[in-house]
Amino acid sequence: MYYNGTPSASTNKTPHEVVYGRNITLPGENMPLEEGGVIDFPALQEHTSRLKHMREATKANIERARNMQKKYSDRKRRPANIMEGDFVLLEAKNLRLKIDSSRKPLPCYVGPY
């Protein structure tokens, strides 16, 4: 539920809102409250507290996974030491080259540019 209720950074909408057109409703949000703002159903209170705990744990797990992925990604990254006017080689794997036959005999890199 935490994932479906968290807004995406790119759309600023939750996945649930994108699919169903409305925000997610959690159990107990539409229940009438007793005087003092307390729900009178003990099973519902227990269930909502369990869901709240699961959302917090899921949020912590997502944050931990995000940090680990960033750490492993940053290990492979290195700063680009390219200045204006330098010649570079371009990797041909994702370039659309005019070819008559297979891509196999083509060079891996094209350039320098």
Protein backbone atom coordinates (compact mmCIF):
# COMPACT_ATOMS: atom_id res chain seq x y z
CA MET A 1 0.00 0.00 0.00
CA TYR A 2 2.88 2.34 0.65
CA TYR A 3 4.10 2.05 -2.94
CA ASN A 4 0.66 2.66 -4.45
CA GLY A 5 0.12 5.63 -2.12
CA THR A 6 3.45 7.37 -2.75
CA PRO A 7 3.54 10.08 -5.44
CA SER A 8 6.02 9.51 -8.26
CA ALA A 9 8.71 12.14 -8.73
CA SER A 10 7.99 12.43 -12.45
CA THR A 11 4.17 12.59 -12.42
CA ASN A 12 3.50 13.89 -8.89
CA LYS A 13 0.66 11.36 -8.76
CA THR A 14 0.39 8.03 -6.99
CA PRO A 15 0.31 4.82 -9.09
CA HIS A 16 -3.15 4.12 -7.65
CA GLU A 17 -4.35 7.57 -8.74
CA VAL A 18 -2.94 7.09 -12.26
CA VAL A 19 -4.69 3.73 -12.69
CA TYR A 20 -7.99 4.34 -10.87
CA GLY A 21 -8.30 8.13 -11.05
CA ARG A 22 -8.57 8.66 -7.28
CA ASN A 23 -6.37 8.47 -4.21
CA ILE A 24 -6.09 5.23 -2.26
CA THR A 25 -8.45 4.85 0.71
CA LEU A 26 -7.00 3.02 3.67
CA PRO A 27 -9.12 0.97 6.08
CA GLY A 28 -10.62 3.09 8.82
CA GLU A 29 -10.40 6.40 6.98
CA ASN A 30 -14.14 6.50 6.29
CA MET A 31 -15.25 5.11 9.67
CA PRO A 32 -17.31 7.40 11.89
CA LEU A 33 -15.37 8.42 14.98
CA GLU A 34 -16.64 8.32 18.52
CA GLU A 35 -16.42 11.36 20.75
CA GLY A 36 -12.82 12.42 21.17
CA GLY A 37 -11.78 11.07 17.74
CA VAL A 38 -11.37 7.40 18.76
CA ILE A 39 -12.62 4.45 16.72
CA ASP A 40 -14.68 2.09 18.88
CA PHE A 41 -13.71 -1.13 17.05
CA PRO A 42 -10.65 -2.77 18.68
CA ALA A 43 -10.06 -5.11 15.71
CA LEU A 44 -10.04 -2.14 13.35
CA GLN A 45 -7.66 -0.21 15.59
CA GLU A 46 -5.32 -3.20 15.67
CA HIS A 47 -5.55 -3.61 11.90
CA THR A 48 -4.87 0.07 11.16
CA SER A 49 -1.92 0.12 13.56
CA ARG A 50 -0.52 -3.01 11.87
CA LEU A 51 -0.95 -1.36 8.45
CA LYS A 52 0.73 1.80 9.70
CA HIS A 53 3.67 -0.26 10.98
CA MET A 54 3.90 -2.11 7.64
CA ARG A 55 3.89 1.20 5.72
CA GLU A 56 6.70 2.55 7.89
CA ALA A 57 8.71 -0.66 7.48
CA THR A 58 8.12 -0.64 3.72
CA LYS A 59 9.20 2.99 3.50
CA ALA A 60 12.41 2.17 5.40
CA ASN A 61 13.07 -0.86 3.15
CA ILE A 62 12.56 1.19 -0.01
CA GLU A 63 14.93 3.87 1.29
CA ARG A 64 17.53 1.23 2.23
CA ALA A 65 17.26 -0.41 -1.21
CA ARG A 66 17.54 2.99 -2.92
CA ASN A 67 20.71 3.77 -0.97
CA MET A 68 22.25 0.36 -1.78
CA GLN A 69 21.45 0.76 -5.50
CA LYS A 70 22.99 4.22 -5.49
CA LYS A 71 26.08 2.93 -3.71
CA TYR A 72 26.60 0.13 -6.26
CA SER A 73 25.90 2.48 -9.18
CA ASP A 74 28.36 5.06 -7.93
CA ARG A 75 31.11 2.42 -7.76
CA LYS A 76 31.01 2.04 -11.54
CA ARG A 77 30.78 5.74 -12.32
CA ARG A 78 33.75 7.93 -12.93
CA PRO A 79 33.92 11.61 -13.74
CA ALA A 80 34.14 12.52 -17.41
CA ASN A 81 37.33 14.45 -18.13
CA ILE A 82 36.22 15.81 -21.49
CA MET A 83 36.90 19.39 -22.44
CA GLU A 84 35.45 21.35 -25.33
CA GLY A 85 37.51 20.69 -28.44
CA ASP A 86 38.59 17.16 -27.40
CA PHE A 87 38.12 14.31 -29.85
CA VAL A 88 35.94 11.43 -28.62
CA LEU A 89 34.86 8.02 -29.87
CA LEU A 90 31.16 7.18 -29.93
CA GLU A 91 29.89 3.73 -29.08
CA ALA A 92 28.15 2.42 -32.21
CA LYS A 93 25.82 0.04 -30.38
CA ASN A 94 22.97 2.56 -30.08
CA LEU A 95 23.66 4.62 -33.20
CA ARG A 96 21.57 4.23 -36.31
CA LEU A 97 24.14 3.53 -39.00
CA LYS A 98 23.37 2.94 -42.65
CA ILE A 99 24.30 -0.70 -43.20
CA ASP A 100 23.63 -3.15 -46.01
CA SER A 101 24.17 -6.36 -44.06
CA SER A 102 24.70 -7.51 -40.51
CA ARG A 103 25.96 -5.20 -37.76
CA LYS A 104 28.56 -7.77 -36.73
CA PRO A 105 31.39 -6.64 -38.99
CA LEU A 106 30.92 -2.98 -38.00
CA PRO A 107 33.35 -1.39 -35.54
CA CYS A 108 32.32 -1.05 -31.89
CA TYR A 109 33.21 2.64 -31.86
CA VAL A 110 33.01 5.35 -34.52
CA GLY A 111 34.92 8.57 -34.64
CA PRO A 112 36.92 10.47 -33.52
CA TYR A 113 34.58 13.46 -33.46
